[in-house]
Protein backbone atom coordinates (compact mmCIF):
# COMPACT_ATOMS: atom_id res chain seq x y z
CA UNK A 1 -16.49 2.41 -23.12
CA UNK A 2 -16.03 -1.16 -21.99
CA UNK A 3 -12.32 -0.67 -21.35
CA UNK A 4 -12.91 2.57 -19.27
CA UNK A 5 -15.75 0.96 -17.26
CA UNK A 6 -13.46 -2.04 -16.29
CA UNK A 7 -10.62 0.39 -15.52
CA UNK A 8 -12.91 2.42 -13.18
CA UNK A 9 -14.28 -0.88 -11.45
CA UNK A 10 -10.70 -2.08 -10.95
CA UNK A 11 -10.01 1.35 -9.29
CA UNK A 12 -13.16 1.09 -7.05
CA UNK A 13 -12.30 -2.57 -6.09
CA UNK A 14 -8.69 -1.69 -5.03
CA UNK A 15 -10.21 1.18 -3.09
CA UNK A 16 -12.82 -0.88 -1.32
CA UNK A 17 -10.15 -3.71 -0.73
CA UNK A 18 -8.03 -1.20 1.13
CA UNK A 19 -11.01 -0.33 3.47
CA UNK A 20 -10.26 -3.64 5.17
CA UNK A 21 -6.86 -2.14 5.99
CA UNK A 22 -7.48 1.59 6.66
CA UNK A 23 -10.83 1.57 8.48
CA UNK A 24 -9.71 -0.60 11.45
CA UNK A 25 -7.05 1.99 12.08
CA UNK A 26 -9.50 4.31 13.45
CA UNK A 27 -10.90 1.78 16.16
CA UNK A 28 -9.26 -1.62 16.19
CA UNK A 29 -6.36 -0.37 18.68
CA UNK A 30 -8.76 1.25 20.90
CA UNK A 31 -10.96 -2.13 20.88
CA UNK A 32 -7.94 -4.18 21.84
CA UNK A 33 -6.27 -1.80 24.31
CA UNK A 34 -9.37 -0.07 26.00
CA UNK A 35 -12.08 -2.60 25.92
CA UNK A 36 -10.36 -5.95 25.85
CA UNK A 37 -7.34 -4.71 27.94
CA UNK A 38 -4.61 -6.47 25.60
CA UNK A 39 -1.06 -5.53 25.70
CA UNK A 40 0.46 -3.23 22.92
CA UNK A 41 2.59 -6.06 21.69
CA UNK A 42 -0.61 -8.47 21.19
CA UNK A 43 -2.44 -5.41 19.60
CA UNK A 44 0.59 -4.61 17.22
CA UNK A 45 0.68 -8.39 16.24
CA UNK A 46 -3.09 -8.41 15.49
CA UNK A 47 -2.64 -5.29 13.44
CA UNK A 48 0.24 -6.67 11.64
CA UNK A 49 -1.37 -10.12 10.90
CA UNK A 50 -3.42 -8.66 7.90
CA UNK A 51 -0.31 -7.09 6.62
CA UNK A 52 1.84 -10.17 6.92
CA UNK A 53 -0.70 -12.34 5.25
CA UNK A 54 -1.21 -9.87 2.38
CA UNK A 55 2.62 -9.39 1.95
CA UNK A 56 3.12 -13.32 1.72
CA UNK A 57 0.12 -13.66 -0.81
CA UNK A 58 1.36 -10.57 -2.87
CA UNK A 59 4.94 -12.10 -3.17
CA UNK A 60 3.47 -15.08 -5.01
CA UNK A 61 0.74 -13.63 -6.81
CA UNK A 62 2.32 -14.00 -9.90
CA UNK A 63 2.93 -17.82 -9.68
CA UNK A 64 -0.87 -17.85 -8.54
CA UNK A 65 -1.72 -16.47 -12.09
CA UNK A 66 -0.68 -20.05 -13.65
CA UNK A 67 -3.94 -21.49 -12.00
CA UNK A 68 -6.48 -18.73 -12.02
CA UNK A 69 -7.11 -15.81 -14.16
CA UNK A 70 -7.94 -12.14 -12.57
CA UNK A 71 -11.72 -12.80 -12.90
CA UNK A 72 -11.41 -16.14 -11.01
CA UNK A 73 -9.15 -14.56 -8.28
CA UNK A 74 -11.63 -11.64 -7.94
CA UNK A 75 -14.50 -14.06 -7.31
CA UNK A 76 -12.50 -16.02 -4.64
CA UNK A 77 -11.56 -12.72 -3.00
CA UNK A 78 -14.98 -11.44 -2.86
CA UNK A 79 -16.50 -14.73 -1.45
CA UNK A 80 -13.67 -14.77 1.26
CA UNK A 81 -14.18 -11.24 2.38
CA UNK A 82 -18.07 -11.47 2.38
CA UNK A 83 -18.12 -14.55 4.46
CA UNK A 84 -15.29 -13.60 6.91
CA UNK A 85 -16.77 -10.24 8.11
CA UNK A 86 -19.92 -11.33 9.69
CA UNK A 87 -18.21 -13.62 12.06
CA UNK A 88 -17.15 -10.72 14.12
CA UNK A 89 -20.95 -10.14 15.11
CA UNK A 90 -20.75 -13.35 17.21
CA UNK A 91 -20.08 -13.04 21.08
CA UNK A 92 -16.72 -14.36 22.23
CA UNK A 93 -14.70 -14.38 25.38
CA UNK A 94 -11.36 -12.66 25.54
CA UNK A 95 -9.12 -15.52 24.30
CA UNK A 96 -11.46 -16.72 21.62
CA UNK A 97 -12.03 -13.24 20.35
CA UNK A 98 -8.24 -12.58 19.72
CA UNK A 99 -8.06 -16.05 17.86
CA UNK A 100 -11.05 -15.25 15.75
CA UNK A 101 -9.82 -11.78 15.10
CA UNK A 102 -6.33 -13.36 13.85
CA UNK A 103 -7.93 -15.81 11.66
CA UNK A 104 -10.25 -13.17 10.01
CA UNK A 105 -7.49 -10.72 9.52
CA UNK A 106 -5.01 -13.32 7.92
CA UNK A 107 -7.70 -14.69 5.62
CA UNK A 108 -8.68 -11.16 4.46
CA UNK A 109 -5.14 -10.03 3.92
CA UNK A 110 -4.18 -13.28 1.98
CA UNK A 111 -6.97 -13.02 -0.75
CA UNK A 112 -6.42 -9.28 -1.17
CA UNK A 113 -2.77 -9.86 -1.55
CA UNK A 114 -3.53 -12.35 -4.34
CA UNK A 115 -5.92 -10.19 -6.13
CA UNK A 116 -4.40 -6.61 -6.06
CA UNK A 117 -1.34 -7.39 -8.55
CA UNK A 118 -3.63 -9.02 -10.89
CA UNK A 119 -5.92 -6.15 -11.02
CA UNK A 120 -2.79 -3.80 -11.49
CA UNK A 121 -1.78 -6.14 -14.39
CA UNK A 122 -5.36 -5.80 -15.91
CA UNK A 123 -5.18 -2.07 -15.53
CA UNK A 124 -1.57 -1.81 -17.39
CA UNK A 125 -2.73 -4.13 -20.22
CA UNK A 126 -5.30 -1.66 -20.94
CA UNK A 127 -3.08 1.51 -20.99
CA UNK A 128 0.57 -0.04 -21.38
CA UNK A 129 1.89 3.36 -22.83
CA UNK A 130 0.71 5.44 -19.78
CA UNK A 131 2.48 3.75 -16.88
CA UNK A 132 2.53 6.87 -14.92
CA UNK A 133 -1.25 7.26 -15.14
CA UNK A 134 -1.76 3.62 -14.24
CA UNK A 135 0.52 3.49 -11.27
CA UNK A 136 -0.83 6.86 -10.08
CA UNK A 137 -4.37 5.51 -10.23
CA UNK A 138 -3.30 2.37 -8.38
CA UNK A 139 -1.77 4.61 -5.67
CA UNK A 140 -4.74 6.82 -5.67
CA UNK A 141 -7.33 4.13 -5.00
CA UNK A 142 -5.20 3.15 -1.88
CA UNK A 143 -4.85 7.00 -0.86
CA UNK A 144 -8.67 7.52 -1.24
CA UNK A 145 -9.19 4.59 1.12
CA UNK A 146 -6.64 6.16 3.44
CA UNK A 147 -8.88 9.30 3.52
CA UNK A 148 -12.36 7.89 3.63
CA UNK A 149 -11.62 4.61 5.57
CA UNK A 150 -10.66 6.05 8.91
CA UNK A 151 -13.41 8.70 8.92
CA UNK A 152 -16.15 6.07 8.12
CA UNK A 153 -14.50 3.69 10.65
CA UNK A 154 -14.29 6.20 13.36
CA UNK A 155 -17.95 7.43 13.11
CA UNK A 156 -19.28 3.80 12.68
CA UNK A 157 -17.45 2.55 15.75
CA UNK A 158 -18.43 5.59 17.87
CA UNK A 159 -22.11 5.24 16.97
CA UNK A 160 -22.62 1.54 16.37
CA UNK A 161 -19.77 -0.40 17.79
CA UNK A 162 -17.17 -2.77 16.63
CA UNK A 163 -19.18 -5.33 14.67
CA UNK A 164 -20.82 -2.81 12.47
CA UNK A 165 -17.79 -0.89 11.88
CA UNK A 166 -16.04 -4.20 10.81
CA UNK A 167 -18.70 -5.17 8.13
CA UNK A 168 -19.01 -1.83 6.44
CA UNK A 169 -15.93 -2.51 4.21
CA UNK A 170 -17.40 -5.95 3.06
CA UNK A 171 -20.63 -4.26 2.00
CA UNK A 172 -18.69 -1.69 -0.39
CA UNK A 173 -16.34 -4.22 -1.70
CA UNK A 174 -19.11 -6.59 -2.70
CA UNK A 175 -20.99 -3.92 -4.58
CA UNK A 176 -17.75 -2.91 -6.39
CA UNK A 177 -16.61 -6.47 -7.07
CA UNK A 178 -19.94 -7.49 -8.53
CA UNK A 179 -19.81 -4.73 -11.06
CA UNK A 180 -16.11 -5.79 -12.00
CA UNK A 181 -17.15 -9.33 -12.32
CA UNK A 182 -19.99 -8.37 -14.65
CA UNK A 183 -17.62 -6.40 -16.95
CA UNK A 184 -14.92 -9.09 -16.84
CA UNK A 185 -17.45 -11.75 -17.79
CA UNK A 186 -18.24 -9.83 -21.17
CA UNK A 187 -15.77 -11.16 -24.02
CA UNK A 188 -13.37 -12.32 -21.24
CA UNK A 189 -12.31 -8.85 -20.22
CA UNK A 190 -10.21 -8.97 -17.51
CA UNK A 191 -8.39 -12.36 -18.65
CA UNK A 192 -4.71 -12.24 -19.53
CA UNK A 193 -4.23 -12.79 -23.40
CA UNK A 194 -2.32 -15.72 -24.54
CA UNK A 195 1.39 -14.96 -25.41
CA UNK A 196 1.03 -16.40 -28.66
CA UNK A 197 -2.24 -14.87 -29.68
CA UNK A 198 -2.65 -12.13 -32.25
CA UNK A 199 -3.96 -9.71 -29.69
CA UNK A 200 -1.10 -10.44 -27.02
CA UNK A 201 0.34 -7.34 -25.41
CA UNK A 202 3.63 -9.24 -24.87
CA UNK A 203 6.38 -8.29 -27.17
CA UNK A 204 7.85 -10.89 -29.42
CA UNK A 205 11.10 -10.67 -27.50
CA UNK A 206 9.62 -11.40 -24.25
CA UNK A 207 11.25 -14.95 -23.47
CA UNK A 208 12.65 -14.06 -20.11
CA UNK A 209 11.79 -16.40 -17.53
CA UNK A 210 11.07 -14.51 -14.22
CA UNK A 211 11.20 -16.41 -10.91
CA UNK A 212 11.15 -15.18 -7.59
CA UNK A 213 14.87 -15.60 -7.06
CA UNK A 214 15.64 -13.51 -10.22
CA UNK A 215 13.92 -10.61 -8.77
CA UNK A 216 16.33 -10.42 -5.77
CA UNK A 217 19.53 -10.47 -7.87
CA UNK A 218 19.05 -6.82 -9.01
CA UNK A 219 20.37 -4.22 -6.46
CA UNK A 220 17.66 -1.77 -7.52
CA UNK A 221 15.07 -4.24 -6.56
CA UNK A 222 16.67 -4.70 -2.98
CA UNK A 223 17.03 -1.06 -2.60
CA UNK A 224 13.60 -0.28 -3.61
CA UNK A 225 12.07 -2.97 -1.31
CA UNK A 226 14.09 -1.84 1.52
CA UNK A 227 13.12 1.75 1.17
CA UNK A 228 9.56 0.93 0.64
CA UNK A 229 9.62 -1.67 3.75
CA UNK A 230 10.93 1.00 5.89
CA UNK A 231 8.56 4.00 4.87
CA UNK A 232 5.71 1.49 5.38
CA UNK A 233 6.95 0.57 8.89
CA UNK A 234 7.25 4.04 10.05
CA UNK A 235 3.88 5.28 8.59
CA UNK A 236 1.98 2.17 9.85
CA UNK A 237 3.64 2.39 13.18
CA UNK A 238 2.45 6.12 13.62
CA UNK A 239 -1.04 5.25 12.16
CA UNK A 240 -1.58 2.41 14.30
CA UNK A 241 -0.65 3.84 17.75
CA UNK A 242 -0.71 7.61 17.33
CA UNK A 243 -4.61 7.87 17.04
CA UNK A 244 -4.99 6.33 20.43
CA UNK A 245 -2.36 8.60 21.93
CA UNK A 246 -3.88 11.69 20.21
CA UNK A 247 -7.28 10.71 21.63
CA UNK A 248 -5.79 10.38 25.15
CA UNK A 249 -3.42 13.36 25.07
CA UNK A 250 -5.99 15.89 23.69
CA UNK A 251 -9.15 14.31 25.21
CA UNK A 252 -10.90 13.85 21.81
CA UNK A 253 -13.48 11.36 20.70
CA UNK A 254 -13.03 8.57 18.00
CA UNK A 255 -14.94 10.51 15.44
CA UNK A 256 -12.59 13.61 15.65
CA UNK A 257 -9.61 11.19 15.50
CA UNK A 258 -11.17 9.79 12.36
CA UNK A 259 -11.35 13.18 10.92
CA UNK A 260 -7.68 13.84 11.69
CA UNK A 261 -6.67 10.54 9.96
CA UNK A 262 -8.89 11.40 6.93
CA UNK A 263 -7.23 14.75 6.64
CA UNK A 264 -3.84 12.99 6.71
CA UNK A 265 -5.04 10.54 4.22
CA UNK A 266 -6.34 13.26 1.95
CA UNK A 267 -2.75 14.69 2.07
CA UNK A 268 -1.63 11.37 0.82
CA UNK A 269 -3.98 11.49 -1.91
CA UNK A 270 -2.81 14.92 -2.98
CA UNK A 271 0.71 13.83 -2.81
CA UNK A 272 0.17 10.98 -5.22
CA UNK A 273 -1.48 13.31 -7.85
CA UNK A 274 1.37 15.67 -7.14
CA UNK A 275 4.05 13.17 -7.68
CA UNK A 276 2.41 12.03 -11.02
CA UNK A 277 2.21 15.60 -12.38
CA UNK A 278 5.89 16.12 -11.40
CA UNK A 279 6.93 12.78 -13.22
CA UNK A 280 4.89 13.76 -16.19
CA UNK A 281 6.81 16.98 -16.23
CA UNK A 282 10.03 15.03 -16.23
CA UNK A 283 10.93 15.90 -12.67
CA UNK A 284 13.61 13.08 -11.84
CA UNK A 285 11.89 10.53 -9.43
CA UNK A 286 14.97 10.56 -7.18
CA UNK A 287 14.37 14.13 -6.44
CA UNK A 288 10.69 13.50 -5.66
CA UNK A 289 11.89 10.53 -3.38
CA UNK A 290 14.52 12.69 -1.46
CA UNK A 291 11.90 15.39 -0.92
CA UNK A 292 9.21 13.01 0.39
CA UNK A 293 11.74 11.41 2.85
CA UNK A 294 12.94 14.64 3.90
CA UNK A 295 9.51 15.64 4.83
CA UNK A 296 8.81 12.66 6.70
CA UNK A 297 11.91 13.04 8.78
CA UNK A 298 10.87 16.71 9.84
CA UNK A 299 7.25 15.50 10.69
CA UNK A 300 8.40 12.79 12.88
CA UNK A 301 10.72 15.03 14.68
CA UNK A 302 7.91 17.57 15.35
CA UNK A 303 5.07 15.37 15.82
CA UNK A 304 5.36 15.06 19.57
CA UNK A 305 3.13 17.75 21.37
CA UNK A 306 5.68 18.23 24.08
CA UNK A 307 8.41 19.47 21.81
CA UNK A 308 6.70 22.87 20.95
CA UNK A 309 3.91 22.58 23.59
CA UNK A 310 1.71 22.14 20.63
CA UNK A 311 -2.06 21.86 20.35
CA UNK A 312 -4.07 19.14 18.60
CA UNK A 313 -3.97 21.11 15.37
CA UNK A 314 -0.29 21.26 15.24
CA UNK A 315 -0.04 17.40 15.83
CA UNK A 316 -2.63 16.93 13.06
CA UNK A 317 -0.51 19.17 10.76
CA UNK A 318 2.58 17.03 11.43
CA UNK A 319 0.78 13.96 10.88
CA UNK A 320 -0.36 15.19 7.32
CA UNK A 321 3.09 16.40 6.56
CA UNK A 322 4.37 12.69 7.08
CA UNK A 323 1.61 11.18 4.96
CA UNK A 324 2.30 13.67 2.34
CA UNK A 325 5.98 13.01 2.18
CA UNK A 326 5.08 9.14 2.32
CA UNK A 327 2.82 9.77 -0.80
CA UNK A 328 5.57 11.36 -2.67
CA UNK A 329 8.06 8.64 -1.90
CA UNK A 330 5.93 5.70 -2.47
CA UNK A 331 4.25 6.75 -5.72
CA UNK A 332 7.76 7.31 -7.13
CA UNK A 333 9.29 4.05 -6.20
CA UNK A 334 6.82 1.69 -7.97
CA UNK A 335 7.36 3.18 -11.48
CA UNK A 336 11.21 2.96 -10.84
CA UNK A 337 10.91 -0.83 -10.08
CA UNK A 338 8.66 -1.50 -13.05
CA UNK A 339 10.87 0.17 -15.54
CA UNK A 340 14.09 -1.06 -13.98
CA UNK A 341 12.90 -4.61 -13.97
CA UNK A 342 11.68 -4.28 -17.56
CA UNK A 343 14.89 -2.77 -18.70
CA UNK A 344 17.06 -5.44 -17.20
CA UNK A 345 15.10 -8.59 -17.86
CA UNK A 346 13.49 -7.63 -21.19
CA UNK A 347 9.97 -8.70 -20.27
CA UNK A 348 6.79 -6.89 -21.27
CA UNK A 349 5.46 -4.07 -19.48
CA UNK A 350 2.46 -6.07 -18.33
CA UNK A 351 4.57 -8.91 -16.85
CA UNK A 352 6.91 -6.43 -15.18
CA UNK A 353 3.83 -4.54 -13.65
CA UNK A 354 2.48 -7.77 -12.43
CA UNK A 355 5.77 -8.80 -10.75
CA UNK A 356 6.87 -5.41 -9.48
CA UNK A 357 3.24 -4.41 -8.18
CA UNK A 358 3.14 -7.60 -6.19
CA UNK A 359 6.76 -7.28 -4.92
CA UNK A 360 5.94 -3.63 -4.04
CA UNK A 361 2.73 -4.53 -2.09
CA UNK A 362 4.83 -7.20 -0.32
CA UNK A 363 7.36 -4.72 0.85
CA UNK A 364 4.61 -2.29 1.80
CA UNK A 365 2.64 -4.85 3.97
CA UNK A 366 5.87 -6.44 5.31
CA UNK A 367 6.44 -3.08 6.71
CA UNK A 368 2.94 -2.72 7.76
CA UNK A 369 3.42 -6.08 9.62
CA UNK A 370 6.74 -5.34 11.39
CA UNK A 371 5.91 -1.51 12.00
CA UNK A 372 3.09 -2.22 14.69
CA UNK A 373 4.97 -5.30 16.19
CA UNK A 374 8.17 -3.35 16.52
CA UNK A 375 6.55 -0.05 17.28
CA UNK A 376 4.30 -1.69 19.95
CA UNK A 377 7.55 -3.14 21.85
CA UNK A 378 9.07 0.33 21.31
CA UNK A 379 6.62 2.32 22.80
CA UNK A 380 6.15 -0.21 25.76
CA UNK A 381 10.02 0.71 26.56
CA UNK A 382 10.13 4.52 25.86
CA UNK A 383 8.07 7.76 25.54
CA UNK A 384 6.47 8.68 22.40
CA UNK A 385 8.85 11.46 21.72
CA UNK A 386 11.95 9.29 21.94
CA UNK A 387 10.18 6.60 19.73
CA UNK A 388 9.59 9.06 16.89
CA UNK A 389 13.16 10.21 17.22
CA UNK A 390 14.39 6.73 16.59
CA UNK A 391 11.88 6.50 13.54
CA UNK A 392 13.38 9.73 12.14
CA UNK A 393 16.89 8.35 12.36
CA UNK A 394 15.99 5.22 10.35
CA UNK A 395 14.64 7.49 7.71
CA UNK A 396 17.58 9.61 7.69
CA UNK A 397 19.94 6.49 7.56
CA UNK A 398 17.88 5.27 4.49
CA UNK A 399 17.94 8.58 2.78
CA UNK A 400 21.82 8.61 3.04
CA UNK A 401 22.18 5.11 1.57
CA UNK A 402 19.87 6.31 -1.40
CA UNK A 403 21.92 9.35 -1.92
CA UNK A 404 25.24 7.72 -1.76
CA UNK A 405 24.08 4.66 -4.04
CA UNK A 406 22.86 7.13 -6.71
CA UNK A 407 26.07 9.25 -6.42
CA UNK A 408 28.31 6.03 -6.62
CA UNK A 409 26.16 4.14 -9.04
CA UNK A 410 24.38 6.63 -11.48
CA UNK A 411 20.97 5.42 -12.85
CA UNK A 412 20.33 3.00 -9.89
CA UNK A 413 17.04 4.64 -9.06
CA UNK A 414 16.12 6.19 -12.42
CA UNK A 415 17.06 4.83 -16.07
CA UNK A 416 17.33 7.33 -18.70
CA UNK A 417 14.44 7.12 -21.29
CA UNK A 418 13.97 8.81 -24.68
CA UNK A 419 11.78 11.71 -24.78
CA UNK A 420 8.91 9.48 -25.99
CA UNK A 421 9.26 7.35 -23.07
CA UNK A 422 9.61 4.42 -25.52
CA UNK A 423 9.63 0.79 -23.47
CA UNK A 424 10.54 -1.03 -26.68
CA UNK A 425 13.77 0.79 -27.07
CA UNK A 426 14.92 0.35 -23.40
CA UNK A 427 17.60 -2.30 -24.40
CA UNK A 428 19.12 -0.21 -27.15
CA UNK A 429 21.77 1.38 -24.98
CA UNK A 430 22.10 -1.56 -22.58
CA UNK A 431 25.76 -1.68 -23.03
CA UNK A 432 26.02 1.89 -21.48
CA UNK A 433 24.57 0.84 -18.14
């Protein structure tokens, strides 16, 4: 019972931490552009500050575990998140507001980036033989936040203003984190087992020294990170600026836009469940990745309302298709990275999970940082229609690279496992690959 409860609270903590990223999508751009009259470049930079900070922290999260256990990291995270949000209730002038908002978003992103990979490692240590279930749950938590976050953020901003909308994620995260800390305090649940203890989950042959540099010598890691970064760039560019365009183009209120984003987030949620189901049925992950990216390309080409003289409903459907394709792609990339890294470095599944989930989040939020910044500059210079065509071309180029790589170097994306999916036997046929 304790293990299941802790797993559920880890799931809830990740969901509420993502509220700090997804809820502002419904109102922060409008607050900066319409209320404070900032440029799109400044707006994109503020939107990306959270992502850049989280990506940097996630990249070094595994190093951080030498000094703090997951329970201690979670405590640090909830303290910083709880203290940073009320600052936005204070009154500032135009310049000071931007500085304070930058500092708040950076601090929030940093502690979340440290905490999430460790929570992923805790979840993996509880169910090491069910990697698909764990990674699916990890992404499902993010997708639920993508569904509920913009909806709550849009209605809270419309009815109560910016400050109240900004503090709501703090309340949810505080409640979930307190429950997680209480469970972790019982019998040291949530602490990493010692590698020499009897109950350690680390295999005896896990003697590999994993450094940050060793992660980047594997072509499959670079390819996976590049794909994840690009997908994240495109999705976050669209979700940062398209809601404001949608509101102006179709004359809708923030609450309506929040519903549209919630539906798109729901499609991402469905995609994560669908991808997990397909992988459990032994559908090749590369097939799921290629299908998801193809859907994203089609959605980017058809999302602009002037192409088909479409309505608000059509634009919402295209946005949902993009999110569904994004979900299929991203939920399939993380297990590929975890298994490939474990296979080629002979580390335990928990170590690989912590390393790769941190790297995966770093790639995602690197794209989430550069997406709004580059997208804001792109939209300053060209029409939305041409901008989305450029995004579709980037996706098509990446899909071509993936296809040619898998064609020339088989098993780059997916390694062959036995029918039981045994992780211990991964190195038995190492000479063949």
